Amino acid sequence: MMYTFDFSSLWAYWPDFLTGALTTLEMTFAATVLGLCIGVAGAIARGSRHAWLRVVAGGYVELVRNTPFLIQIFFLFFGLASVGVRMPVLFAAVLAMVINVGAYTTEIVRAGIEAVHPGQIEAAESLGLSVPQVYWYVILRPALERVYPALTSQFVLMMLSSSITSQISAEELTAAANNIQSITFRSLETYIVVALLYLVLTVLLKSGFWLLGQALFPRRRLLGTPL
């Protein structure tokens, strides 16, 4: 069967595509910032000397990493609504993204922290550095520098996974595409355009993270280590 491509009917809906793409970027930015904060806190908790902190952080990581992202979204938006906890669609979508990426970020940052040699910590303590200074200059900053490529890859994956939030009618890029194809009946052309837009967003995010890495970790730039 011959198929005739017709993208002309989609031109009128470019504002909808762009609005959806912008919403996707906004959701990703919020999830990245908050997820990184949760990941750092979770990684520190997983290495804590307090057993209850290790148990709580470990339970959170295992629960999130071993359940589907879609189920997590449905639990927050539909499940909690059954017991009277209702939240706006975008809030529920971003919250689900933050909880999900926070668990993966916890393990990535923990790997970076565990790669710091204990001798470096002992040397810092012997020089009289305070606990916050030891954590930032000797543990966290080198750890984040070491795992920065893995972190950025995880955040890009979360941007792509944000398409799942369309299942609760979050008005991001995939939801915009679903609405457009239901009006134009040009499903193939619509999803080709959306795939290209996601590709553009991915390249933009990777470029932005690369530039951020160059600014935050000049030592990697001087050593010529790729981010």
C-alpha atoms as a PDB file:
ATOM      1  CA  MET A   1       0.000   0.000   0.000  1.00  0.00           C
ATOM      2  CA  MET A   2       1.364   3.406  -0.998  1.00  0.00           C
ATOM      3  CA  TYR A   3       1.409   6.147   1.612  1.00  0.00           C
ATOM      4  CA  THR A   4       1.569   9.824   0.744  1.00  0.00           C
ATOM      5  CA  PHE A   5       3.303  11.956   3.322  1.00  0.00           C
ATOM      6  CA  ASP A   6       1.645  15.275   4.070  1.00  0.00           C
ATOM      7  CA  PHE A   7       3.265  17.527   6.657  1.00  0.00           C
ATOM      8  CA  SER A   8       1.444  20.665   5.503  1.00  0.00           C
ATOM      9  CA  SER A   9      -1.488  20.112   7.856  1.00  0.00           C
ATOM     10  CA  LEU A  10       0.900  20.245  10.835  1.00  0.00           C
ATOM     11  CA  TRP A  11       2.228  23.747  10.202  1.00  0.00           C
ATOM     12  CA  ALA A  12      -0.728  25.347  11.942  1.00  0.00           C
ATOM     13  CA  TYR A  13       0.103  23.444  15.122  1.00  0.00           C
ATOM     14  CA  TRP A  14       3.763  24.475  15.501  1.00  0.00           C
ATOM     15  CA  PRO A  15       2.891  26.708  18.503  1.00  0.00           C
ATOM     16  CA  ASP A  16       1.457  23.612  20.210  1.00  0.00           C
ATOM     17  CA  PHE A  17       4.596  21.601  19.452  1.00  0.00           C
ATOM     18  CA  LEU A  18       6.829  24.368  20.800  1.00  0.00           C
ATOM     19  CA  THR A  19       4.698  24.873  23.906  1.00  0.00           C
ATOM     20  CA  GLY A  20       4.881  21.143  24.610  1.00  0.00           C
ATOM     21  CA  ALA A  21       8.653  21.153  24.097  1.00  0.00           C
ATOM     22  CA  LEU A  22       9.044  24.113  26.467  1.00  0.00           C
ATOM     23  CA  THR A  23       6.937  22.368  29.102  1.00  0.00           C
ATOM     24  CA  THR A  24       9.105  19.268  28.726  1.00  0.00           C
ATOM     25  CA  LEU A  25      12.249  21.346  29.306  1.00  0.00           C
ATOM     26  CA  GLU A  26      10.730  23.076  32.334  1.00  0.00           C
ATOM     27  CA  MET A  27       9.740  19.752  33.873  1.00  0.00           C
ATOM     28  CA  THR A  28      13.200  18.347  33.172  1.00  0.00           C
ATOM     29  CA  PHE A  29      14.927  21.363  34.737  1.00  0.00           C
ATOM     30  CA  ALA A  30      12.864  21.064  37.917  1.00  0.00           C
ATOM     31  CA  ALA A  31      13.445  17.300  38.099  1.00  0.00           C
ATOM     32  CA  THR A  32      17.185  17.753  37.505  1.00  0.00           C
ATOM     33  CA  VAL A  33      17.708  20.336  40.253  1.00  0.00           C
ATOM     34  CA  LEU A  34      15.515  18.685  42.876  1.00  0.00           C
ATOM     35  CA  GLY A  35      16.564  15.161  41.884  1.00  0.00           C
ATOM     36  CA  LEU A  36      20.228  16.082  42.281  1.00  0.00           C
ATOM     37  CA  CYS A  37      19.549  17.471  45.760  1.00  0.00           C
ATOM     38  CA  ILE A  38      17.749  14.273  46.735  1.00  0.00           C
ATOM     39  CA  GLY A  39      20.498  12.175  45.160  1.00  0.00           C
ATOM     40  CA  VAL A  40      23.268  13.898  47.129  1.00  0.00           C
ATOM     41  CA  ALA A  41      21.302  13.651  50.373  1.00  0.00           C
ATOM     42  CA  GLY A  42      20.446  10.014  49.661  1.00  0.00           C
ATOM     43  CA  ALA A  43      24.049   9.127  48.847  1.00  0.00           C
ATOM     44  CA  ILE A  44      25.242  10.674  52.107  1.00  0.00           C
ATOM     45  CA  ALA A  45      22.491   8.839  53.995  1.00  0.00           C
ATOM     46  CA  ARG A  46      23.463   5.515  52.408  1.00  0.00           C
ATOM     47  CA  GLY A  47      26.993   5.970  53.744  1.00  0.00           C
ATOM     48  CA  SER A  48      25.887   7.213  57.147  1.00  0.00           C
ATOM     49  CA  ARG A  49      27.047   5.618  60.371  1.00  0.00           C
ATOM     50  CA  HIS A  50      23.401   5.563  61.473  1.00  0.00           C
ATOM     51  CA  ALA A  51      21.743   2.298  60.485  1.00  0.00           C
ATOM     52  CA  TRP A  52      18.235   3.757  60.264  1.00  0.00           C
ATOM     53  CA  LEU A  53      19.382   6.339  57.700  1.00  0.00           C
ATOM     54  CA  ARG A  54      21.004   3.634  55.588  1.00  0.00           C
ATOM     55  CA  VAL A  55      17.819   1.537  55.764  1.00  0.00           C
ATOM     56  CA  VAL A  56      15.518   4.428  54.809  1.00  0.00           C
ATOM     57  CA  ALA A  57      17.709   5.567  51.915  1.00  0.00           C
ATOM     58  CA  GLY A  58      18.261   2.007  50.702  1.00  0.00           C
ATOM     59  CA  GLY A  59      14.548   1.230  50.886  1.00  0.00           C
ATOM     60  CA  TYR A  60      13.717   4.350  48.868  1.00  0.00           C
ATOM     61  CA  VAL A  61      16.242   3.463  46.183  1.00  0.00           C
ATOM     62  CA  GLU A  62      15.132  -0.154  45.899  1.00  0.00           C
ATOM     63  CA  LEU A  63      11.432   0.736  45.852  1.00  0.00           C
ATOM     64  CA  VAL A  64      11.809   3.284  43.059  1.00  0.00           C
ATOM     65  CA  ARG A  65      14.314   1.353  40.953  1.00  0.00           C
ATOM     66  CA  ASN A  66      12.274  -1.857  41.056  1.00  0.00           C
ATOM     67  CA  THR A  67       8.874  -0.424  40.124  1.00  0.00           C
ATOM     68  CA  PRO A  68       7.797   1.011  36.732  1.00  0.00           C
ATOM     69  CA  PHE A  69       7.823   4.774  36.318  1.00  0.00           C
ATOM     70  CA  LEU A  70       4.271   4.641  34.964  1.00  0.00           C
ATOM     71  CA  ILE A  71       3.024   2.936  38.129  1.00  0.00           C
ATOM     72  CA  GLN A  72       4.741   5.583  40.243  1.00  0.00           C
ATOM     73  CA  ILE A  73       2.929   8.311  38.313  1.00  0.00           C
ATOM     74  CA  PHE A  74      -0.422   6.537  38.599  1.00  0.00           C
ATOM     75  CA  PHE A  75       0.107   6.007  42.336  1.00  0.00           C
ATOM     76  CA  LEU A  76       0.771   9.706  42.933  1.00  0.00           C
ATOM     77  CA  PHE A  77      -1.993  11.039  40.705  1.00  0.00           C
ATOM     78  CA  PHE A  78      -4.764   8.431  40.832  1.00  0.00           C
ATOM     79  CA  GLY A  79      -3.880   6.357  43.887  1.00  0.00           C
ATOM     80  CA  LEU A  80      -3.466   9.215  46.349  1.00  0.00           C
ATOM     81  CA  ALA A  81      -6.586  10.911  44.970  1.00  0.00           C
ATOM     82  CA  SER A  82      -8.570   7.890  46.180  1.00  0.00           C
ATOM     83  CA  VAL A  83      -7.674   8.799  49.767  1.00  0.00           C
ATOM     84  CA  GLY A  84      -8.281  12.510  49.295  1.00  0.00           C
ATOM     85  CA  VAL A  85      -4.788  13.666  48.340  1.00  0.00           C
ATOM     86  CA  ARG A  86      -5.274  15.503  45.053  1.00  0.00           C
ATOM     87  CA  MET A  87      -2.618  17.476  43.232  1.00  0.00           C
ATOM     88  CA  PRO A  88      -2.386  19.388  39.937  1.00  0.00           C
ATOM     89  CA  VAL A  89      -1.348  17.364  36.911  1.00  0.00           C
ATOM     90  CA  LEU A  90       1.986  19.102  36.317  1.00  0.00           C
ATOM     91  CA  PHE A  91       2.845  19.001  40.015  1.00  0.00           C
ATOM     92  CA  ALA A  92       2.191  15.249  40.136  1.00  0.00           C
ATOM     93  CA  ALA A  93       4.199  14.711  36.944  1.00  0.00           C
ATOM     94  CA  VAL A  94       7.222  16.668  38.188  1.00  0.00           C
ATOM     95  CA  LEU A  95       7.004  15.052  41.632  1.00  0.00           C
ATOM     96  CA  ALA A  96       7.071  11.600  40.047  1.00  0.00           C
ATOM     97  CA  MET A  97      10.075  12.600  37.925  1.00  0.00           C
ATOM     98  CA  VAL A  98      11.906  13.999  40.960  1.00  0.00           C
ATOM     99  CA  ILE A  99      11.281  10.889  43.048  1.00  0.00           C
ATOM    100  CA  ASN A 100      12.345   8.623  40.203  1.00  0.00           C
ATOM    101  CA  VAL A 101      15.508  10.429  39.126  1.00  0.00           C
ATOM    102  CA  GLY A 102      16.438  11.063  42.759  1.00  0.00           C
ATOM    103  CA  ALA A 103      16.741   7.328  43.394  1.00  0.00           C
ATOM    104  CA  TYR A 104      18.991   6.750  40.392  1.00  0.00           C
ATOM    105  CA  THR A 105      21.028   9.842  41.214  1.00  0.00           C
ATOM    106  CA  THR A 106      21.524   8.521  44.749  1.00  0.00           C
ATOM    107  CA  GLU A 107      23.283   5.432  43.444  1.00  0.00           C
ATOM    108  CA  ILE A 108      25.360   7.365  40.924  1.00  0.00           C
ATOM    109  CA  VAL A 109      26.566   9.869  43.527  1.00  0.00           C
ATOM    110  CA  ARG A 110      27.162   7.077  46.052  1.00  0.00           C
ATOM    111  CA  ALA A 111      29.466   5.382  43.544  1.00  0.00           C
ATOM    112  CA  GLY A 112      31.400   8.636  43.198  1.00  0.00           C
ATOM    113  CA  ILE A 113      31.684   9.073  46.961  1.00  0.00           C
ATOM    114  CA  GLU A 114      32.895   5.515  47.456  1.00  0.00           C
ATOM    115  CA  ALA A 115      35.610   6.137  44.855  1.00  0.00           C
ATOM    116  CA  VAL A 116      37.161   8.826  47.078  1.00  0.00           C
ATOM    117  CA  HIS A 117      40.198   7.331  48.819  1.00  0.00           C
ATOM    118  CA  PRO A 118      39.859   7.284  52.641  1.00  0.00           C
ATOM    119  CA  GLY A 119      43.382   8.646  52.882  1.00  0.00           C
ATOM    120  CA  GLN A 120      42.234  11.908  51.310  1.00  0.00           C
ATOM    121  CA  ILE A 121      39.574  12.311  53.986  1.00  0.00           C
ATOM    122  CA  GLU A 122      42.061  11.570  56.754  1.00  0.00           C
ATOM    123  CA  ALA A 123      44.509  14.093  55.285  1.00  0.00           C
ATOM    124  CA  ALA A 124      41.807  16.769  55.163  1.00  0.00           C
ATOM    125  CA  GLU A 125      40.820  16.106  58.771  1.00  0.00           C
ATOM    126  CA  SER A 126      44.461  16.272  59.871  1.00  0.00           C
ATOM    127  CA  LEU A 127      44.728  19.711  58.252  1.00  0.00           C
ATOM    128  CA  GLY A 128      41.892  20.932  60.464  1.00  0.00           C
ATOM    129  CA  LEU A 129      39.138  21.224  57.851  1.00  0.00           C
ATOM    130  CA  SER A 130      35.634  21.329  59.258  1.00  0.00           C
ATOM    131  CA  VAL A 131      33.127  18.577  58.485  1.00  0.00           C
ATOM    132  CA  PRO A 132      31.266  20.701  55.863  1.00  0.00           C
ATOM    133  CA  GLN A 133      34.583  21.596  54.215  1.00  0.00           C
ATOM    134  CA  VAL A 134      35.659  17.951  54.112  1.00  0.00           C
ATOM    135  CA  TYR A 135      32.345  16.930  52.588  1.00  0.00           C
ATOM    136  CA  TRP A 136      32.386  19.632  49.918  1.00  0.00           C
ATOM    137  CA  TYR A 137      36.042  19.936  48.907  1.00  0.00           C
ATOM    138  CA  VAL A 138      37.262  16.384  49.514  1.00  0.00           C
ATOM    139  CA  ILE A 139      34.197  14.173  49.058  1.00  0.00           C
ATOM    140  CA  LEU A 140      31.293  15.715  47.165  1.00  0.00           C
ATOM    141  CA  ARG A 141      33.021  17.942  44.623  1.00  0.00           C
ATOM    142  CA  PRO A 142      35.485  15.241  43.431  1.00  0.00           C
ATOM    143  CA  ALA A 143      32.696  12.655  43.510  1.00  0.00           C
ATOM    144  CA  LEU A 144      30.363  14.799  41.395  1.00  0.00           C
ATOM    145  CA  GLU A 145      33.201  15.564  39.007  1.00  0.00           C
ATOM    146  CA  ARG A 146      33.921  11.867  38.602  1.00  0.00           C
ATOM    147  CA  VAL A 147      30.308  10.814  37.949  1.00  0.00           C
ATOM    148  CA  TYR A 148      29.199  13.926  36.045  1.00  0.00           C
ATOM    149  CA  PRO A 149      28.881  12.116  32.670  1.00  0.00           C
ATOM    150  CA  ALA A 150      26.683   9.430  34.249  1.00  0.00           C
ATOM    151  CA  LEU A 151      24.546  12.071  35.971  1.00  0.00           C
ATOM    152  CA  THR A 152      23.961  14.026  32.782  1.00  0.00           C
ATOM    153  CA  SER A 153      23.030  10.850  30.915  1.00  0.00           C
ATOM    154  CA  GLN A 154      20.493  10.029  33.626  1.00  0.00           C
ATOM    155  CA  PHE A 155      18.956  13.496  33.413  1.00  0.00           C
ATOM    156  CA  VAL A 156      18.670  13.241  29.615  1.00  0.00           C
ATOM    157  CA  LEU A 157      16.970   9.857  30.017  1.00  0.00           C
ATOM    158  CA  MET A 158      14.548  11.446  32.461  1.00  0.00           C
ATOM    159  CA  MET A 159      13.717  14.097  29.875  1.00  0.00           C
ATOM    160  CA  LEU A 160      12.861  11.349  27.395  1.00  0.00           C
ATOM    161  CA  SER A 161      10.892   9.445  30.056  1.00  0.00           C
ATOM    162  CA  SER A 162       8.803  12.555  30.732  1.00  0.00           C
ATOM    163  CA  SER A 163       6.732  11.469  27.719  1.00  0.00           C
ATOM    164  CA  ILE A 164       5.102   8.914  30.037  1.00  0.00           C
ATOM    165  CA  THR A 165       3.508  11.747  32.017  1.00  0.00           C
ATOM    166  CA  SER A 166       1.188  12.282  29.051  1.00  0.00           C
ATOM    167  CA  GLN A 167      -0.751   9.343  30.492  1.00  0.00           C
ATOM    168  CA  ILE A 168      -2.098  11.670  33.194  1.00  0.00           C
ATOM    169  CA  SER A 169      -2.644  14.464  30.636  1.00  0.00           C
ATOM    170  CA  ALA A 170       0.453  16.498  31.498  1.00  0.00           C
ATOM    171  CA  GLU A 171       0.678  18.974  28.628  1.00  0.00           C
ATOM    172  CA  GLU A 172       4.223  18.142  27.562  1.00  0.00           C
ATOM    173  CA  LEU A 173       5.486  17.324  24.077  1.00  0.00           C
ATOM    174  CA  THR A 174       4.011  13.839  23.697  1.00  0.00           C
ATOM    175  CA  ALA A 175       0.610  14.979  24.984  1.00  0.00           C
ATOM    176  CA  ALA A 176       0.665  17.838  22.466  1.00  0.00           C
ATOM    177  CA  ALA A 177       1.453  15.344  19.703  1.00  0.00           C
ATOM    178  CA  ASN A 178      -1.406  13.080  20.776  1.00  0.00           C
ATOM    179  CA  ASN A 179      -3.817  16.008  20.609  1.00  0.00           C
ATOM    180  CA  ILE A 180      -2.529  17.143  17.210  1.00  0.00           C
ATOM    181  CA  GLN A 181      -2.715  13.715  15.577  1.00  0.00           C
ATOM    182  CA  SER A 182      -6.268  13.246  16.881  1.00  0.00           C
ATOM    183  CA  ILE A 183      -7.240  16.450  15.073  1.00  0.00           C
ATOM    184  CA  THR A 184      -5.258  16.078  11.850  1.00  0.00           C
ATOM    185  CA  PHE A 185      -5.370  12.263  11.553  1.00  0.00           C
ATOM    186  CA  ARG A 186      -1.736  12.422  10.364  1.00  0.00           C
ATOM    187  CA  SER A 187      -0.283  10.117  13.011  1.00  0.00           C
ATOM    188  CA  LEU A 188       2.863   9.099  11.129  1.00  0.00           C
ATOM    189  CA  GLU A 189       3.858  12.651  10.257  1.00  0.00           C
ATOM    190  CA  THR A 190       3.044  13.910  13.762  1.00  0.00           C
ATOM    191  CA  TYR A 191       5.226  11.356  15.512  1.00  0.00           C
ATOM    192  CA  ILE A 192       8.054  11.854  13.026  1.00  0.00           C
ATOM    193  CA  VAL A 193       8.036  15.540  13.950  1.00  0.00           C
ATOM    194  CA  VAL A 194       7.908  14.713  17.659  1.00  0.00           C
ATOM    195  CA  ALA A 195      10.794  12.265  17.355  1.00  0.00           C
ATOM    196  CA  LEU A 196      12.880  14.970  15.666  1.00  0.00           C
ATOM    197  CA  LEU A 197      11.945  17.475  18.362  1.00  0.00           C
ATOM    198  CA  TYR A 198      13.019  15.054  21.094  1.00  0.00           C
ATOM    199  CA  LEU A 199      16.291  14.596  19.220  1.00  0.00           C
ATOM    200  CA  VAL A 200      16.797  18.366  19.168  1.00  0.00           C
ATOM    201  CA  LEU A 201      15.977  18.613  22.888  1.00  0.00           C
ATOM    202  CA  THR A 202      18.458  15.843  23.646  1.00  0.00           C
ATOM    203  CA  VAL A 203      21.236  17.598  21.723  1.00  0.00           C
ATOM    204  CA  LEU A 204      20.429  20.893  23.469  1.00  0.00           C
ATOM    205  CA  LEU A 205      20.495  19.269  26.894  1.00  0.00           C
ATOM    206  CA  LYS A 206      23.749  17.444  26.237  1.00  0.00           C
ATOM    207  CA  SER A 207      25.350  20.643  24.951  1.00  0.00           C
ATOM    208  CA  GLY A 208      24.105  22.578  27.964  1.00  0.00           C
ATOM    209  CA  PHE A 209      25.409  19.961  30.395  1.00  0.00           C
ATOM    210  CA  TRP A 210      28.751  19.922  28.571  1.00  0.00           C
ATOM    211  CA  LEU A 211      29.105  23.691  28.904  1.00  0.00           C
ATOM    212  CA  LEU A 212      28.074  23.503  32.558  1.00  0.00           C
ATOM    213  CA  GLY A 213      30.667  20.806  33.153  1.00  0.00           C
ATOM    214  CA  GLN A 214      33.346  22.949  31.561  1.00  0.00           C
ATOM    215  CA  ALA A 215      32.476  25.762  33.970  1.00  0.00           C
ATOM    216  CA  LEU A 216      32.103  23.652  37.112  1.00  0.00           C
ATOM    217  CA  PHE A 217      35.034  21.302  36.624  1.00  0.00           C
ATOM    218  CA  PRO A 218      37.927  23.225  35.021  1.00  0.00           C
ATOM    219  CA  ARG A 219      40.356  20.472  36.002  1.00  0.00           C
ATOM    220  CA  ARG A 220      38.626  18.081  33.599  1.00  0.00           C
ATOM    221  CA  ARG A 221      38.968  20.707  30.873  1.00  0.00           C
ATOM    222  CA  LEU A 222      42.684  21.199  31.586  1.00  0.00           C
ATOM    223  CA  LEU A 223      43.315  17.471  31.630  1.00  0.00           C
ATOM    224  CA  GLY A 224      41.311  16.987  28.457  1.00  0.00           C
ATOM    225  CA  THR A 225      38.985  14.482  30.114  1.00  0.00           C
ATOM    226  CA  PRO A 226      35.739  14.154  28.116  1.00  0.00           C
ATOM    227  CA  LEU A 227      32.494  14.842  29.968  1.00  0.00           C
END
